[in-house]
């Protein structure tokens, strides 16, 4: 069956843009965590001894987010944690 219109053949069912953004944030958070683990693993042999760090507890904002934004916030927190881990590893590295 031939399409009636020129652009009809290229139309496919797409997922909502919000779902694409959420999936991208999740993949980015996974990459950030993996990179932090690899960085710590590779640099472990040239790091100074670990200095005590304060335990930062994320305080609950008290604000409830809709599910999509709660997921995005969780992914951004994971990315921030991974970046903190990489910065800490680099600060302890002596080459």
C-alpha atoms as a PDB file:
ATOM      1  CA  UNK A   1       0.000   0.000   0.000  1.00  0.00           C
ATOM      2  CA  UNK A   2       1.409   3.369  -1.020  1.00  0.00           C
ATOM      3  CA  UNK A   3       1.148   6.339   1.342  1.00  0.00           C
ATOM      4  CA  UNK A   4      -1.317   9.034   0.315  1.00  0.00           C
ATOM      5  CA  UNK A   5       1.007  11.863   1.248  1.00  0.00           C
ATOM      6  CA  UNK A   6       4.732  12.380   0.686  1.00  0.00           C
ATOM      7  CA  UNK A   7       5.636  12.630   4.371  1.00  0.00           C
ATOM      8  CA  UNK A   8       3.310   9.869   5.532  1.00  0.00           C
ATOM      9  CA  UNK A   9       5.864   7.133   4.944  1.00  0.00           C
ATOM     10  CA  UNK A  10       8.390   8.767   7.269  1.00  0.00           C
ATOM     11  CA  UNK A  11       5.931   9.174  10.152  1.00  0.00           C
ATOM     12  CA  UNK A  12       6.592   6.728  12.917  1.00  0.00           C
ATOM     13  CA  UNK A  13       5.196   6.451  16.389  1.00  0.00           C
ATOM     14  CA  UNK A  14       7.519   8.287  18.747  1.00  0.00           C
ATOM     15  CA  UNK A  15       7.653   8.211  22.472  1.00  0.00           C
ATOM     16  CA  UNK A  16       7.003  11.493  24.262  1.00  0.00           C
ATOM     17  CA  UNK A  17       9.915  13.901  24.440  1.00  0.00           C
ATOM     18  CA  UNK A  18       9.745  13.756  28.229  1.00  0.00           C
ATOM     19  CA  UNK A  19      10.429  10.017  28.111  1.00  0.00           C
ATOM     20  CA  UNK A  20      13.403  10.593  25.801  1.00  0.00           C
ATOM     21  CA  UNK A  21      14.826  13.211  28.178  1.00  0.00           C
ATOM     22  CA  UNK A  22      14.290  10.934  31.176  1.00  0.00           C
ATOM     23  CA  UNK A  23      16.049   8.034  29.422  1.00  0.00           C
ATOM     24  CA  UNK A  24      18.941  10.289  28.430  1.00  0.00           C
ATOM     25  CA  UNK A  25      19.327  11.513  32.023  1.00  0.00           C
ATOM     26  CA  UNK A  26      19.305   7.918  33.252  1.00  0.00           C
ATOM     27  CA  UNK A  27      21.979   6.869  30.730  1.00  0.00           C
ATOM     28  CA  UNK A  28      24.045   9.927  31.637  1.00  0.00           C
ATOM     29  CA  UNK A  29      23.814   9.110  35.352  1.00  0.00           C
ATOM     30  CA  UNK A  30      24.911   5.531  34.644  1.00  0.00           C
ATOM     31  CA  UNK A  31      27.874   6.759  32.584  1.00  0.00           C
ATOM     32  CA  UNK A  32      28.860   9.185  35.343  1.00  0.00           C
ATOM     33  CA  UNK A  33      28.746   6.454  38.009  1.00  0.00           C
ATOM     34  CA  UNK A  34      30.728   4.069  35.795  1.00  0.00           C
ATOM     35  CA  UNK A  35      33.339   6.749  35.088  1.00  0.00           C
ATOM     36  CA  UNK A  36      33.659   7.526  38.793  1.00  0.00           C
ATOM     37  CA  UNK A  37      34.208   3.832  39.566  1.00  0.00           C
ATOM     38  CA  UNK A  38      36.805   3.493  36.771  1.00  0.00           C
ATOM     39  CA  UNK A  39      38.585   6.670  37.855  1.00  0.00           C
ATOM     40  CA  UNK A  40      38.797   5.529  41.464  1.00  0.00           C
ATOM     41  CA  UNK A  41      39.923   2.059  40.408  1.00  0.00           C
ATOM     42  CA  UNK A  42      42.632   3.243  38.029  1.00  0.00           C
ATOM     43  CA  UNK A  43      43.998   5.951  40.316  1.00  0.00           C
ATOM     44  CA  UNK A  44      43.815   3.964  43.554  1.00  0.00           C
ATOM     45  CA  UNK A  45      47.497   2.965  43.425  1.00  0.00           C
ATOM     46  CA  UNK A  46      48.679   6.592  43.156  1.00  0.00           C
ATOM     47  CA  UNK A  47      46.293   8.128  45.678  1.00  0.00           C
ATOM     48  CA  UNK A  48      47.233   9.439  49.092  1.00  0.00           C
ATOM     49  CA  UNK A  49      45.521   7.849  52.057  1.00  0.00           C
ATOM     50  CA  UNK A  50      41.946   8.779  52.362  1.00  0.00           C
ATOM     51  CA  UNK A  51      41.156  11.701  54.593  1.00  0.00           C
ATOM     52  CA  UNK A  52      37.983  11.650  56.614  1.00  0.00           C
ATOM     53  CA  UNK A  53      35.126  13.337  54.827  1.00  0.00           C
ATOM     54  CA  UNK A  54      32.006  14.711  56.342  1.00  0.00           C
ATOM     55  CA  UNK A  55      28.946  12.655  55.605  1.00  0.00           C
ATOM     56  CA  UNK A  56      26.689  14.822  53.558  1.00  0.00           C
ATOM     57  CA  UNK A  57      23.109  13.855  53.974  1.00  0.00           C
ATOM     58  CA  UNK A  58      20.796  15.111  51.307  1.00  0.00           C
ATOM     59  CA  UNK A  59      18.035  16.933  53.007  1.00  0.00           C
ATOM     60  CA  UNK A  60      14.577  16.421  51.701  1.00  0.00           C
ATOM     61  CA  UNK A  61      13.378  19.655  50.188  1.00  0.00           C
ATOM     62  CA  UNK A  62       9.945  19.100  51.556  1.00  0.00           C
ATOM     63  CA  UNK A  63       8.748  19.756  48.047  1.00  0.00           C
ATOM     64  CA  UNK A  64       7.136  16.922  46.173  1.00  0.00           C
ATOM     65  CA  UNK A  65       7.933  16.604  42.498  1.00  0.00           C
ATOM     66  CA  UNK A  66       5.820  14.963  39.825  1.00  0.00           C
ATOM     67  CA  UNK A  67       7.181  11.500  38.940  1.00  0.00           C
ATOM     68  CA  UNK A  68       9.128  12.593  35.851  1.00  0.00           C
ATOM     69  CA  UNK A  69      10.830  15.444  37.684  1.00  0.00           C
ATOM     70  CA  UNK A  70      11.520  13.267  40.713  1.00  0.00           C
ATOM     71  CA  UNK A  71      13.277  10.779  38.408  1.00  0.00           C
ATOM     72  CA  UNK A  72      15.225  13.574  36.717  1.00  0.00           C
ATOM     73  CA  UNK A  73      16.237  15.002  40.091  1.00  0.00           C
ATOM     74  CA  UNK A  74      17.404  11.573  41.233  1.00  0.00           C
ATOM     75  CA  UNK A  75      19.525  11.211  38.101  1.00  0.00           C
ATOM     76  CA  UNK A  76      21.006  14.686  38.557  1.00  0.00           C
ATOM     77  CA  UNK A  77      21.858  13.861  42.180  1.00  0.00           C
ATOM     78  CA  UNK A  78      23.578  10.666  40.972  1.00  0.00           C
ATOM     79  CA  UNK A  79      25.560  12.643  38.390  1.00  0.00           C
ATOM     80  CA  UNK A  80      26.574  15.213  41.018  1.00  0.00           C
ATOM     81  CA  UNK A  81      27.675  12.422  43.358  1.00  0.00           C
ATOM     82  CA  UNK A  82      29.766  10.803  40.631  1.00  0.00           C
ATOM     83  CA  UNK A  83      31.408  14.124  39.780  1.00  0.00           C
ATOM     84  CA  UNK A  84      32.158  14.713  43.477  1.00  0.00           C
ATOM     85  CA  UNK A  85      33.758  11.273  43.634  1.00  0.00           C
ATOM     86  CA  UNK A  86      35.938  11.990  40.599  1.00  0.00           C
ATOM     87  CA  UNK A  87      36.993  15.387  41.996  1.00  0.00           C
ATOM     88  CA  UNK A  88      37.858  13.781  45.336  1.00  0.00           C
ATOM     89  CA  UNK A  89      39.896  11.040  43.647  1.00  0.00           C
ATOM     90  CA  UNK A  90      41.791  13.596  41.587  1.00  0.00           C
ATOM     91  CA  UNK A  91      42.487  15.720  44.661  1.00  0.00           C
ATOM     92  CA  UNK A  92      44.089  12.673  46.348  1.00  0.00           C
ATOM     93  CA  UNK A  93      46.164  11.682  43.313  1.00  0.00           C
ATOM     94  CA  UNK A  94      49.921  12.172  43.381  1.00  0.00           C
ATOM     95  CA  UNK A  95      51.712  11.611  40.110  1.00  0.00           C
END
